[in-house]
N, C-alpha and C. Protein backbone atom coordinates (compact mmCIF):
# COMPACT_ATOMS: atom_id res chain seq x y z
N MET A 1 27.68 -59.72 29.23
CA MET A 1 26.88 -58.58 29.12
C MET A 1 27.69 -57.46 28.36
N THR A 2 27.14 -56.73 27.34
CA THR A 2 27.94 -55.80 26.63
C THR A 2 27.68 -54.36 27.20
N ASP A 3 28.52 -53.42 26.88
CA ASP A 3 28.38 -52.05 27.35
C ASP A 3 27.12 -51.46 26.81
N GLU A 4 26.67 -51.79 25.55
CA GLU A 4 25.44 -51.27 24.96
C GLU A 4 24.23 -51.51 25.90
N ILE A 5 24.15 -52.63 26.51
CA ILE A 5 22.99 -53.00 27.29
C ILE A 5 22.96 -52.18 28.57
N THR A 6 24.02 -51.81 29.18
CA THR A 6 24.07 -51.06 30.31
C THR A 6 24.10 -49.61 30.20
N ASN A 7 24.16 -49.08 28.93
CA ASN A 7 24.16 -47.70 28.74
C ASN A 7 22.75 -47.20 28.80
N PRO A 8 22.44 -46.15 29.57
CA PRO A 8 21.02 -45.63 29.65
C PRO A 8 20.60 -45.02 28.36
N VAL A 9 19.33 -45.10 28.03
CA VAL A 9 18.77 -44.45 26.85
C VAL A 9 17.64 -43.48 27.40
N LYS A 10 17.30 -42.62 26.54
CA LYS A 10 16.09 -41.60 26.95
C LYS A 10 14.91 -42.13 26.24
N CYS A 11 13.83 -41.94 26.93
CA CYS A 11 12.46 -42.12 26.41
C CYS A 11 12.27 -41.05 25.36
N HIS A 12 11.74 -41.44 24.21
CA HIS A 12 11.53 -40.52 23.00
C HIS A 12 10.43 -39.49 23.43
N ILE A 13 9.58 -39.77 24.29
CA ILE A 13 8.48 -38.80 24.63
C ILE A 13 8.81 -38.00 25.86
N CYS A 14 9.05 -38.67 26.92
CA CYS A 14 9.17 -37.84 28.21
C CYS A 14 10.67 -37.56 28.61
N GLY A 15 11.61 -38.23 27.96
CA GLY A 15 13.01 -37.94 28.19
C GLY A 15 13.61 -38.65 29.36
N CYS A 16 12.84 -39.43 30.08
CA CYS A 16 13.45 -40.03 31.28
C CYS A 16 14.57 -41.03 30.82
N GLU A 17 15.55 -41.17 31.64
CA GLU A 17 16.55 -42.17 31.43
C GLU A 17 16.24 -43.46 31.93
N LEU A 18 16.57 -44.56 31.19
CA LEU A 18 16.29 -45.93 31.68
C LEU A 18 17.20 -46.82 31.01
N GLU A 19 17.45 -47.96 31.61
CA GLU A 19 18.28 -48.89 31.01
C GLU A 19 17.68 -49.54 29.76
N LYS A 20 18.49 -49.82 28.81
CA LYS A 20 18.03 -50.27 27.48
C LYS A 20 17.18 -51.53 27.62
N GLU A 21 17.51 -52.44 28.62
CA GLU A 21 16.68 -53.64 28.80
C GLU A 21 15.35 -53.31 29.46
N ASP A 22 15.22 -52.11 29.99
CA ASP A 22 13.93 -51.75 30.69
C ASP A 22 13.02 -50.90 29.77
N CYS A 23 13.39 -50.60 28.58
CA CYS A 23 12.63 -49.83 27.66
C CYS A 23 11.95 -50.68 26.60
N ILE A 24 11.07 -50.10 25.79
CA ILE A 24 10.43 -50.64 24.62
C ILE A 24 10.83 -49.95 23.49
N GLU A 25 11.44 -50.73 22.53
CA GLU A 25 11.92 -50.15 21.27
C GLU A 25 10.96 -50.36 20.09
N GLU A 26 10.58 -49.29 19.40
CA GLU A 26 9.74 -49.37 18.26
C GLU A 26 10.25 -48.44 17.12
N GLU A 27 10.46 -48.97 16.03
CA GLU A 27 10.91 -48.12 14.84
C GLU A 27 12.18 -47.34 15.20
N GLY A 28 13.07 -47.95 15.95
CA GLY A 28 14.28 -47.22 16.31
C GLY A 28 14.24 -46.25 17.41
N LYS A 29 13.09 -46.11 18.00
CA LYS A 29 12.85 -45.17 19.15
C LYS A 29 12.74 -45.97 20.39
N PHE A 30 13.06 -45.38 21.40
CA PHE A 30 13.02 -46.02 22.88
C PHE A 30 11.89 -45.28 23.63
N PHE A 31 11.08 -46.14 24.37
CA PHE A 31 9.96 -45.50 25.17
C PHE A 31 9.95 -46.23 26.57
N CYS A 32 9.64 -45.41 27.53
CA CYS A 32 9.43 -45.99 28.85
C CYS A 32 7.97 -46.66 28.79
N GLU A 33 7.64 -47.52 29.71
CA GLU A 33 6.39 -48.32 29.59
C GLU A 33 5.23 -47.39 29.64
N ASP A 34 5.25 -46.32 30.52
CA ASP A 34 4.10 -45.42 30.59
C ASP A 34 3.84 -44.72 29.32
N CYS A 35 4.87 -44.16 28.73
CA CYS A 35 4.70 -43.32 27.40
C CYS A 35 4.29 -44.32 26.29
N PHE A 36 4.81 -45.50 26.20
CA PHE A 36 4.48 -46.39 25.22
C PHE A 36 2.96 -46.76 25.22
N ILE A 37 2.50 -47.09 26.49
CA ILE A 37 1.12 -47.43 26.63
C ILE A 37 0.27 -46.22 26.31
N GLU A 38 0.52 -45.10 26.75
CA GLU A 38 -0.26 -43.84 26.48
C GLU A 38 -0.25 -43.62 24.91
N ALA A 39 0.82 -43.79 24.27
CA ALA A 39 0.97 -43.35 22.84
C ALA A 39 0.12 -44.34 21.99
N HIS A 40 -0.07 -45.57 22.55
CA HIS A 40 -0.86 -46.66 21.76
C HIS A 40 -2.32 -46.78 22.27
N HIS A 41 -2.65 -45.86 23.06
CA HIS A 41 -4.09 -45.96 23.52
C HIS A 41 -4.85 -44.68 23.16
N LYS A 42 -4.67 -44.32 21.99
CA LYS A 42 -5.43 -43.07 21.59
C LYS A 42 -6.82 -43.33 21.17
N ILE A 43 -7.77 -42.62 21.75
CA ILE A 43 -9.18 -42.69 21.48
C ILE A 43 -9.49 -41.82 20.31
N GLN A 44 -10.20 -42.29 19.31
CA GLN A 44 -10.53 -41.53 18.09
C GLN A 44 -11.64 -40.53 18.37
N ALA A 45 -11.56 -39.33 18.18
CA ALA A 45 -12.58 -38.31 18.45
C ALA A 45 -13.68 -38.39 17.28
N CYS A 46 -13.34 -38.62 16.11
CA CYS A 46 -14.37 -38.69 15.03
C CYS A 46 -14.70 -40.21 14.85
N ASP A 47 -15.44 -40.73 15.69
CA ASP A 47 -15.88 -42.15 15.57
C ASP A 47 -17.40 -42.19 15.74
N PRO A 48 -18.11 -42.20 14.65
CA PRO A 48 -19.58 -42.22 14.64
C PRO A 48 -20.21 -43.21 15.66
N TRP A 49 -19.65 -44.47 15.56
CA TRP A 49 -20.16 -45.58 16.37
C TRP A 49 -20.04 -45.28 17.84
N ALA A 50 -18.83 -44.76 18.20
CA ALA A 50 -18.54 -44.44 19.59
C ALA A 50 -19.48 -43.30 20.02
N ALA A 51 -19.66 -42.27 19.22
CA ALA A 51 -20.60 -41.23 19.69
C ALA A 51 -22.04 -41.68 19.81
N TYR A 52 -22.45 -42.53 18.83
CA TYR A 52 -23.82 -43.16 18.88
C TYR A 52 -23.97 -43.90 20.14
N SER A 53 -23.00 -44.82 20.46
CA SER A 53 -23.10 -45.64 21.60
C SER A 53 -23.08 -44.89 22.94
N LYS A 54 -22.20 -43.84 23.01
CA LYS A 54 -22.20 -43.03 24.18
C LYS A 54 -23.47 -42.21 24.37
N LYS A 55 -24.06 -41.67 23.31
CA LYS A 55 -25.22 -40.91 23.39
C LYS A 55 -26.39 -41.85 23.88
N LEU A 56 -26.47 -43.12 23.26
CA LEU A 56 -27.45 -43.99 23.67
C LEU A 56 -27.36 -44.40 25.12
N PHE A 57 -26.05 -44.79 25.53
CA PHE A 57 -25.74 -45.13 26.88
C PHE A 57 -26.20 -44.05 27.90
N ARG A 58 -25.88 -42.79 27.57
CA ARG A 58 -26.12 -41.60 28.45
C ARG A 58 -27.63 -41.40 28.56
N LYS A 59 -28.34 -41.60 27.43
CA LYS A 59 -29.80 -41.45 27.39
C LYS A 59 -30.46 -42.44 28.29
N GLU A 60 -30.10 -43.65 28.08
CA GLU A 60 -30.67 -44.79 28.87
C GLU A 60 -30.38 -44.76 30.30
N ALA A 61 -29.18 -44.10 30.65
CA ALA A 61 -28.76 -44.04 32.13
C ALA A 61 -29.31 -42.68 32.75
N GLY A 62 -29.92 -41.92 31.94
CA GLY A 62 -30.54 -40.59 32.41
C GLY A 62 -29.50 -39.59 32.74
N LEU A 63 -28.37 -39.68 32.01
CA LEU A 63 -27.28 -38.73 32.25
C LEU A 63 -27.38 -37.52 31.31
N GLU A 64 -27.31 -36.32 31.87
CA GLU A 64 -27.29 -35.08 31.12
C GLU A 64 -26.11 -34.26 31.45
N GLY A 65 -25.71 -33.41 30.60
CA GLY A 65 -24.67 -32.48 30.79
C GLY A 65 -23.37 -33.19 31.22
N THR A 66 -22.81 -32.76 32.35
CA THR A 66 -21.54 -33.36 32.86
C THR A 66 -21.73 -34.59 33.83
N GLU A 67 -23.02 -34.96 34.07
CA GLU A 67 -23.27 -36.15 34.80
C GLU A 67 -22.54 -37.36 34.22
N GLY A 68 -21.90 -38.14 35.16
CA GLY A 68 -21.23 -39.36 34.74
C GLY A 68 -19.71 -39.16 34.25
N LEU A 69 -19.33 -37.89 34.18
CA LEU A 69 -17.98 -37.62 33.78
C LEU A 69 -16.98 -37.73 35.04
N THR A 70 -15.77 -37.95 34.74
CA THR A 70 -14.78 -37.98 35.73
C THR A 70 -14.48 -36.46 36.19
N GLU A 71 -13.91 -36.26 37.37
CA GLU A 71 -13.64 -34.89 37.77
C GLU A 71 -12.80 -34.13 36.76
N LEU A 72 -11.78 -34.86 36.27
CA LEU A 72 -10.99 -34.23 35.23
C LEU A 72 -11.73 -33.78 33.99
N GLN A 73 -12.68 -34.67 33.47
CA GLN A 73 -13.47 -34.28 32.33
C GLN A 73 -14.38 -33.11 32.68
N LYS A 74 -14.99 -33.10 33.83
CA LYS A 74 -15.84 -31.94 34.21
C LYS A 74 -14.99 -30.70 34.20
N ALA A 75 -13.85 -30.73 34.84
CA ALA A 75 -12.97 -29.56 34.82
C ALA A 75 -12.52 -29.07 33.51
N ILE A 76 -12.22 -30.04 32.64
CA ILE A 76 -11.85 -29.62 31.31
C ILE A 76 -13.00 -28.91 30.57
N TYR A 77 -14.20 -29.54 30.67
CA TYR A 77 -15.41 -29.05 30.10
C TYR A 77 -15.69 -27.61 30.59
N GLU A 78 -15.65 -27.46 31.92
CA GLU A 78 -15.91 -26.10 32.48
C GLU A 78 -14.88 -25.09 31.97
N PHE A 79 -13.60 -25.43 31.86
CA PHE A 79 -12.54 -24.60 31.37
C PHE A 79 -12.84 -24.20 29.90
N ILE A 80 -13.28 -25.13 29.09
CA ILE A 80 -13.62 -24.86 27.78
C ILE A 80 -14.78 -23.86 27.65
N VAL A 81 -15.78 -24.11 28.34
CA VAL A 81 -17.00 -23.31 28.37
C VAL A 81 -16.65 -21.81 28.91
N SER A 82 -15.99 -21.80 30.02
CA SER A 82 -15.71 -20.51 30.62
C SER A 82 -14.75 -19.58 29.71
N SER A 83 -13.88 -20.34 29.01
CA SER A 83 -13.00 -19.66 28.03
C SER A 83 -13.54 -19.31 26.71
N GLY A 84 -14.63 -19.89 26.36
CA GLY A 84 -15.24 -19.69 25.05
C GLY A 84 -14.43 -20.44 24.01
N GLY A 85 -13.60 -21.44 24.39
CA GLY A 85 -12.83 -22.28 23.54
C GLY A 85 -11.39 -22.13 23.86
N VAL A 86 -10.66 -23.23 23.83
CA VAL A 86 -9.21 -23.24 24.14
C VAL A 86 -8.50 -24.33 23.19
N LYS A 87 -7.21 -24.10 23.05
CA LYS A 87 -6.41 -25.11 22.34
C LYS A 87 -5.97 -26.24 23.24
N LYS A 88 -5.78 -27.38 22.61
CA LYS A 88 -5.39 -28.52 23.30
C LYS A 88 -4.21 -28.36 24.23
N GLU A 89 -3.19 -27.46 23.76
CA GLU A 89 -2.03 -27.19 24.56
C GLU A 89 -2.30 -26.55 25.82
N GLU A 90 -3.37 -25.66 25.77
CA GLU A 90 -3.69 -24.84 26.95
C GLU A 90 -4.32 -25.73 28.07
N ILE A 91 -5.11 -26.72 27.50
CA ILE A 91 -5.66 -27.72 28.45
C ILE A 91 -4.60 -28.55 29.07
N ALA A 92 -3.65 -29.05 28.27
CA ALA A 92 -2.53 -29.86 28.75
C ALA A 92 -1.70 -29.06 29.77
N LYS A 93 -1.45 -27.76 29.55
CA LYS A 93 -0.73 -26.97 30.51
C LYS A 93 -1.49 -26.78 31.81
N LYS A 94 -2.69 -26.42 31.73
CA LYS A 94 -3.55 -26.06 32.85
C LYS A 94 -3.72 -27.25 33.77
N PHE A 95 -3.96 -28.49 33.19
CA PHE A 95 -4.25 -29.66 33.99
C PHE A 95 -3.08 -30.50 34.20
N GLN A 96 -1.91 -30.07 33.64
CA GLN A 96 -0.72 -30.88 33.72
C GLN A 96 -0.74 -32.37 33.32
N ILE A 97 -1.34 -32.45 32.04
CA ILE A 97 -1.48 -33.75 31.45
C ILE A 97 -0.80 -33.71 30.10
N SER A 98 -0.53 -34.83 29.44
CA SER A 98 0.15 -34.76 28.17
C SER A 98 -0.79 -34.39 27.10
N ILE A 99 -0.32 -34.05 25.95
CA ILE A 99 -1.12 -33.82 24.78
C ILE A 99 -1.98 -35.07 24.41
N LEU A 100 -1.31 -36.19 24.49
CA LEU A 100 -2.06 -37.37 24.12
C LEU A 100 -3.19 -37.68 25.14
N GLU A 101 -3.07 -37.41 26.41
CA GLU A 101 -4.14 -37.47 27.35
C GLU A 101 -5.21 -36.54 27.19
N THR A 102 -4.77 -35.23 26.68
CA THR A 102 -5.62 -34.28 26.39
C THR A 102 -6.55 -34.68 25.22
N GLU A 103 -5.88 -35.28 24.15
CA GLU A 103 -6.72 -35.74 23.05
C GLU A 103 -7.69 -36.93 23.32
N ASN A 104 -7.30 -37.68 24.38
CA ASN A 104 -8.17 -38.81 24.72
C ASN A 104 -9.40 -38.09 25.51
N GLN A 105 -9.09 -37.25 26.34
CA GLN A 105 -10.23 -36.61 27.11
C GLN A 105 -11.10 -35.80 26.13
N PHE A 106 -10.49 -35.15 25.15
CA PHE A 106 -11.34 -34.47 24.18
C PHE A 106 -12.26 -35.52 23.43
N ALA A 107 -11.67 -36.60 23.03
CA ALA A 107 -12.46 -37.58 22.37
C ALA A 107 -13.66 -38.07 23.10
N LEU A 108 -13.44 -38.35 24.40
CA LEU A 108 -14.57 -38.83 25.26
C LEU A 108 -15.65 -37.66 25.47
N LEU A 109 -15.15 -36.44 25.52
CA LEU A 109 -16.13 -35.37 25.72
C LEU A 109 -16.92 -35.16 24.36
N ARG A 110 -16.15 -35.36 23.23
CA ARG A 110 -16.77 -35.34 21.94
C ARG A 110 -17.86 -36.35 21.69
N HIS A 111 -17.49 -37.55 22.21
CA HIS A 111 -18.54 -38.64 22.11
C HIS A 111 -19.78 -38.34 22.86
N CYS A 112 -19.65 -37.62 23.89
CA CYS A 112 -20.84 -37.21 24.72
C CYS A 112 -21.54 -36.02 24.15
N GLU A 113 -21.01 -35.47 23.01
CA GLU A 113 -21.48 -34.29 22.29
C GLU A 113 -21.55 -33.15 23.31
N LEU A 114 -20.42 -33.00 24.10
CA LEU A 114 -20.30 -31.88 24.93
C LEU A 114 -19.30 -30.82 24.34
N VAL A 115 -18.35 -31.18 23.64
CA VAL A 115 -17.39 -30.34 23.02
C VAL A 115 -17.13 -30.82 21.60
N LYS A 116 -16.55 -29.95 20.80
CA LYS A 116 -16.14 -30.21 19.39
C LYS A 116 -14.97 -29.36 19.11
N GLY A 117 -14.31 -29.63 17.89
CA GLY A 117 -13.16 -28.88 17.43
C GLY A 117 -13.72 -27.76 16.55
N GLN A 118 -13.01 -26.59 16.52
CA GLN A 118 -13.56 -25.47 15.67
C GLN A 118 -12.26 -24.79 15.18
N LYS A 119 -12.19 -24.72 13.85
CA LYS A 119 -11.04 -24.01 13.26
C LYS A 119 -11.28 -22.53 13.37
N ARG A 120 -10.23 -21.91 13.83
CA ARG A 120 -10.10 -20.36 13.87
C ARG A 120 -8.85 -19.91 13.22
N ALA A 121 -8.68 -18.62 13.03
CA ALA A 121 -7.55 -18.12 12.28
C ALA A 121 -6.22 -18.52 12.80
N ASP A 122 -6.08 -18.76 14.18
CA ASP A 122 -4.84 -19.12 14.70
C ASP A 122 -4.75 -20.58 15.13
N GLY A 123 -5.67 -21.38 14.68
CA GLY A 123 -5.58 -22.85 14.94
C GLY A 123 -6.86 -23.44 15.32
N VAL A 124 -6.83 -24.72 15.88
CA VAL A 124 -8.03 -25.49 16.16
C VAL A 124 -8.37 -25.25 17.60
N TYR A 125 -9.54 -24.92 18.02
CA TYR A 125 -9.95 -24.68 19.42
C TYR A 125 -10.99 -25.76 19.76
N LEU A 126 -10.98 -26.12 21.03
CA LEU A 126 -12.03 -27.06 21.53
C LEU A 126 -13.11 -26.09 22.09
N VAL A 127 -14.30 -26.29 21.71
CA VAL A 127 -15.44 -25.38 22.01
C VAL A 127 -16.63 -26.20 22.48
N PRO A 128 -17.56 -25.60 23.21
CA PRO A 128 -18.81 -26.28 23.55
C PRO A 128 -19.44 -26.74 22.26
N PHE A 129 -20.13 -27.93 22.38
CA PHE A 129 -20.71 -28.56 21.12
C PHE A 129 -21.87 -27.69 20.49
N GLU A 130 -22.47 -26.79 21.18
CA GLU A 130 -23.46 -26.01 20.69
C GLU A 130 -22.96 -24.78 19.86
N SER A 131 -21.66 -24.52 20.03
CA SER A 131 -21.09 -23.30 19.34
C SER A 131 -21.13 -23.40 17.82
N LYS A 132 -21.27 -22.23 17.22
CA LYS A 132 -21.36 -22.16 15.78
C LYS A 132 -19.91 -21.76 15.27
């Protein structure tokens, strides 16, 4: 066994220390298993088929508004509505989730046509779908 294998490395995303043999290496970067999985499981917000499928499913299931959403999704939606729009970073901070998880939650809410992105002078905000 070499010294290199026993030296701890840091996860490129969360910074946790782990043994080199316990991490996943990709393009010269090291990841813990949780961060690697999260980074590779990004849901696309602008996916017409996903939006069509979700809309059709919700209609057939008789779901309206926040019905059928997880508690986290409902809370994020209410936060967006009550704030008149928020940045992804604000959602991540408030709900103590990563930016990647925030983006996935946004994508799911977007597919339900509950929220959308809106460019403003100081960045992109997540706003209720009906906003102009």
